[in-house]
Structures are given as C-alpha cells and as structure tokens.
Amino acid sequence: MKLVDELFEIYRGRLQGTEEDLDMITLTVLEQLSQKEILGMIKELKEEELAYFFRLYLFEALKQKFDTIDTDHGFADKRLYH
C-alpha cells in the first residue's frame, strides 16, 4: 500500500518502530482521514492486501473479545494463542 510506504519513509530513522510509535502514527493518520478517504484507500487495495487487512482486523477483534472475557472471568493467564 502506497500510504504504508510513504509513512515508512517519513518515520524511518526518526522512530524506533515500537508498538507505541506505530500506534501514535496510525492514530494520527486516522484523525486526518475522512471515512470517504479511508474507504477509497480500501477500494484500491489488491485482493491479497484486502484479504490480509480483513484477516488482521478479525484476528485483533477476536483477540480483544477473548481478552475481555478472560479478564471478566479471571482467566487472563490461561490464554492460548497460535
């Protein structure tokens, strides 16, 4: 994706690439884009990129749901991830 390449070039050498750095970058980008712009970028994704995008979304959403359930039931230490 062109945006990812551009962001990488902007921040390469400036940031460490830690999860905190990446979270800051992604939140900043999202704050500046409208829903129309985001959907336009999604429509431009190649089929493989779209599948990866959706797989990653599902993975993170499910992980968050299971983390919430585990925390609610006191099972946080018994999580099993592949």
C-alpha atoms as a PDB file:
ATOM      1  CA  MET A   1       0.000   0.000   0.000  1.00  0.00           C
ATOM      2  CA  LYS A   2       1.351   3.354  -1.027  1.00  0.00           C
ATOM      3  CA  LEU A   3       0.417   5.024   2.285  1.00  0.00           C
ATOM      4  CA  VAL A   4       2.392   2.459   4.280  1.00  0.00           C
ATOM      5  CA  ASP A   5       5.449   3.006   2.069  1.00  0.00           C
ATOM      6  CA  GLU A   6       5.160   6.788   2.437  1.00  0.00           C
ATOM      7  CA  LEU A   7       4.779   6.622   6.226  1.00  0.00           C
ATOM      8  CA  PHE A   8       7.714   4.249   6.490  1.00  0.00           C
ATOM      9  CA  GLU A   9       9.913   6.655   4.545  1.00  0.00           C
ATOM     10  CA  ILE A  10       8.807   9.641   6.645  1.00  0.00           C
ATOM     11  CA  TYR A  11       9.428   7.996  10.009  1.00  0.00           C
ATOM     12  CA  ARG A  12      12.354   5.703   9.193  1.00  0.00           C
ATOM     13  CA  GLY A  13      15.315   6.886  11.235  1.00  0.00           C
ATOM     14  CA  ARG A  14      13.099   9.110  13.413  1.00  0.00           C
ATOM     15  CA  LEU A  15      11.284   6.452  15.414  1.00  0.00           C
ATOM     16  CA  GLN A  16      12.201   3.028  16.751  1.00  0.00           C
ATOM     17  CA  GLY A  17       9.183   1.244  15.295  1.00  0.00           C
ATOM     18  CA  THR A  18       7.943   0.154  18.708  1.00  0.00           C
ATOM     19  CA  GLU A  19       4.262  -0.623  19.199  1.00  0.00           C
ATOM     20  CA  GLU A  20       3.861   2.767  20.882  1.00  0.00           C
ATOM     21  CA  ASP A  21       5.448   4.553  17.901  1.00  0.00           C
ATOM     22  CA  LEU A  22       3.299   2.674  15.420  1.00  0.00           C
ATOM     23  CA  ASP A  23       0.158   3.263  17.465  1.00  0.00           C
ATOM     24  CA  MET A  24       0.903   7.001  17.513  1.00  0.00           C
ATOM     25  CA  ILE A  25       1.438   7.076  13.735  1.00  0.00           C
ATOM     26  CA  THR A  26      -1.733   5.136  12.949  1.00  0.00           C
ATOM     27  CA  LEU A  27      -3.899   7.215  15.279  1.00  0.00           C
ATOM     28  CA  THR A  28      -2.505  10.434  13.801  1.00  0.00           C
ATOM     29  CA  VAL A  29      -3.221   9.253  10.266  1.00  0.00           C
ATOM     30  CA  LEU A  30      -6.751   8.134  11.139  1.00  0.00           C
ATOM     31  CA  GLU A  31      -7.516  11.504  12.751  1.00  0.00           C
ATOM     32  CA  GLN A  32      -6.637  13.228   9.479  1.00  0.00           C
ATOM     33  CA  LEU A  33      -8.647  10.994   7.117  1.00  0.00           C
ATOM     34  CA  SER A  34     -12.359  11.094   6.442  1.00  0.00           C
ATOM     35  CA  GLN A  35     -14.441   7.945   6.135  1.00  0.00           C
ATOM     36  CA  LYS A  36     -14.676   8.584   2.398  1.00  0.00           C
ATOM     37  CA  GLU A  37     -10.871   8.757   2.099  1.00  0.00           C
ATOM     38  CA  ILE A  38     -10.422   5.569   4.133  1.00  0.00           C
ATOM     39  CA  LEU A  39     -12.969   3.677   2.032  1.00  0.00           C
ATOM     40  CA  GLY A  40     -11.276   4.952  -1.120  1.00  0.00           C
ATOM     41  CA  MET A  41      -7.950   3.528   0.044  1.00  0.00           C
ATOM     42  CA  ILE A  42      -9.591   0.225   0.912  1.00  0.00           C
ATOM     43  CA  LYS A  43     -11.167   0.026  -2.553  1.00  0.00           C
ATOM     44  CA  GLU A  44      -7.719   0.490  -4.098  1.00  0.00           C
ATOM     45  CA  LEU A  45      -6.232  -2.496  -2.243  1.00  0.00           C
ATOM     46  CA  LYS A  46      -5.171  -5.520  -4.243  1.00  0.00           C
ATOM     47  CA  GLU A  47      -7.078  -8.705  -3.456  1.00  0.00           C
ATOM     48  CA  GLU A  48      -4.213 -10.107  -1.337  1.00  0.00           C
ATOM     49  CA  GLU A  49      -3.893  -6.834   0.592  1.00  0.00           C
ATOM     50  CA  LEU A  50      -7.636  -6.722   1.239  1.00  0.00           C
ATOM     51  CA  ALA A  51      -7.626 -10.324   2.485  1.00  0.00           C
ATOM     52  CA  TYR A  52      -4.673  -9.552   4.791  1.00  0.00           C
ATOM     53  CA  PHE A  53      -6.374  -6.355   6.001  1.00  0.00           C
ATOM     54  CA  PHE A  54      -9.580  -8.201   6.855  1.00  0.00           C
ATOM     55  CA  ARG A  55      -7.737 -11.165   8.423  1.00  0.00           C
ATOM     56  CA  LEU A  56      -5.768  -8.805  10.650  1.00  0.00           C
ATOM     57  CA  TYR A  57      -8.939  -6.965  11.660  1.00  0.00           C
ATOM     58  CA  LEU A  58     -10.697 -10.238  12.540  1.00  0.00           C
ATOM     59  CA  PHE A  59      -7.668 -11.501  14.462  1.00  0.00           C
ATOM     60  CA  GLU A  60      -7.363  -8.316  16.545  1.00  0.00           C
ATOM     61  CA  ALA A  61     -11.112  -8.036  17.160  1.00  0.00           C
ATOM     62  CA  LEU A  62     -11.355 -11.656  18.287  1.00  0.00           C
ATOM     63  CA  LYS A  63      -8.254 -11.312  20.454  1.00  0.00           C
ATOM     64  CA  GLN A  64      -9.795  -8.286  22.142  1.00  0.00           C
ATOM     65  CA  LYS A  65     -13.078 -10.146  22.743  1.00  0.00           C
ATOM     66  CA  PHE A  66     -11.300 -13.147  24.254  1.00  0.00           C
ATOM     67  CA  ASP A  67      -9.118 -10.861  26.393  1.00  0.00           C
ATOM     68  CA  THR A  68     -12.252  -9.143  27.694  1.00  0.00           C
ATOM     69  CA  ILE A  69     -13.915 -12.457  28.514  1.00  0.00           C
ATOM     70  CA  ASP A  70     -10.735 -13.815  30.131  1.00  0.00           C
ATOM     71  CA  THR A  71     -10.345 -10.680  32.246  1.00  0.00           C
ATOM     72  CA  ASP A  72     -14.021 -10.751  33.270  1.00  0.00           C
ATOM     73  CA  HIS A  73     -13.680 -14.368  34.403  1.00  0.00           C
ATOM     74  CA  GLY A  74     -10.191 -14.166  35.855  1.00  0.00           C
ATOM     75  CA  PHE A  75      -8.631 -16.373  33.158  1.00  0.00           C
ATOM     76  CA  ALA A  76      -6.121 -13.848  31.818  1.00  0.00           C
ATOM     77  CA  ASP A  77      -3.169 -16.163  32.460  1.00  0.00           C
ATOM     78  CA  LYS A  78      -4.741 -19.143  30.668  1.00  0.00           C
ATOM     79  CA  ARG A  79      -4.977 -17.611  27.170  1.00  0.00           C
ATOM     80  CA  LEU A  80      -3.814 -19.747  24.316  1.00  0.00           C
ATOM     81  CA  TYR A  81      -2.790 -18.085  21.073  1.00  0.00           C
ATOM     82  CA  HIS A  82      -1.485 -19.713  17.917  1.00  0.00           C
END
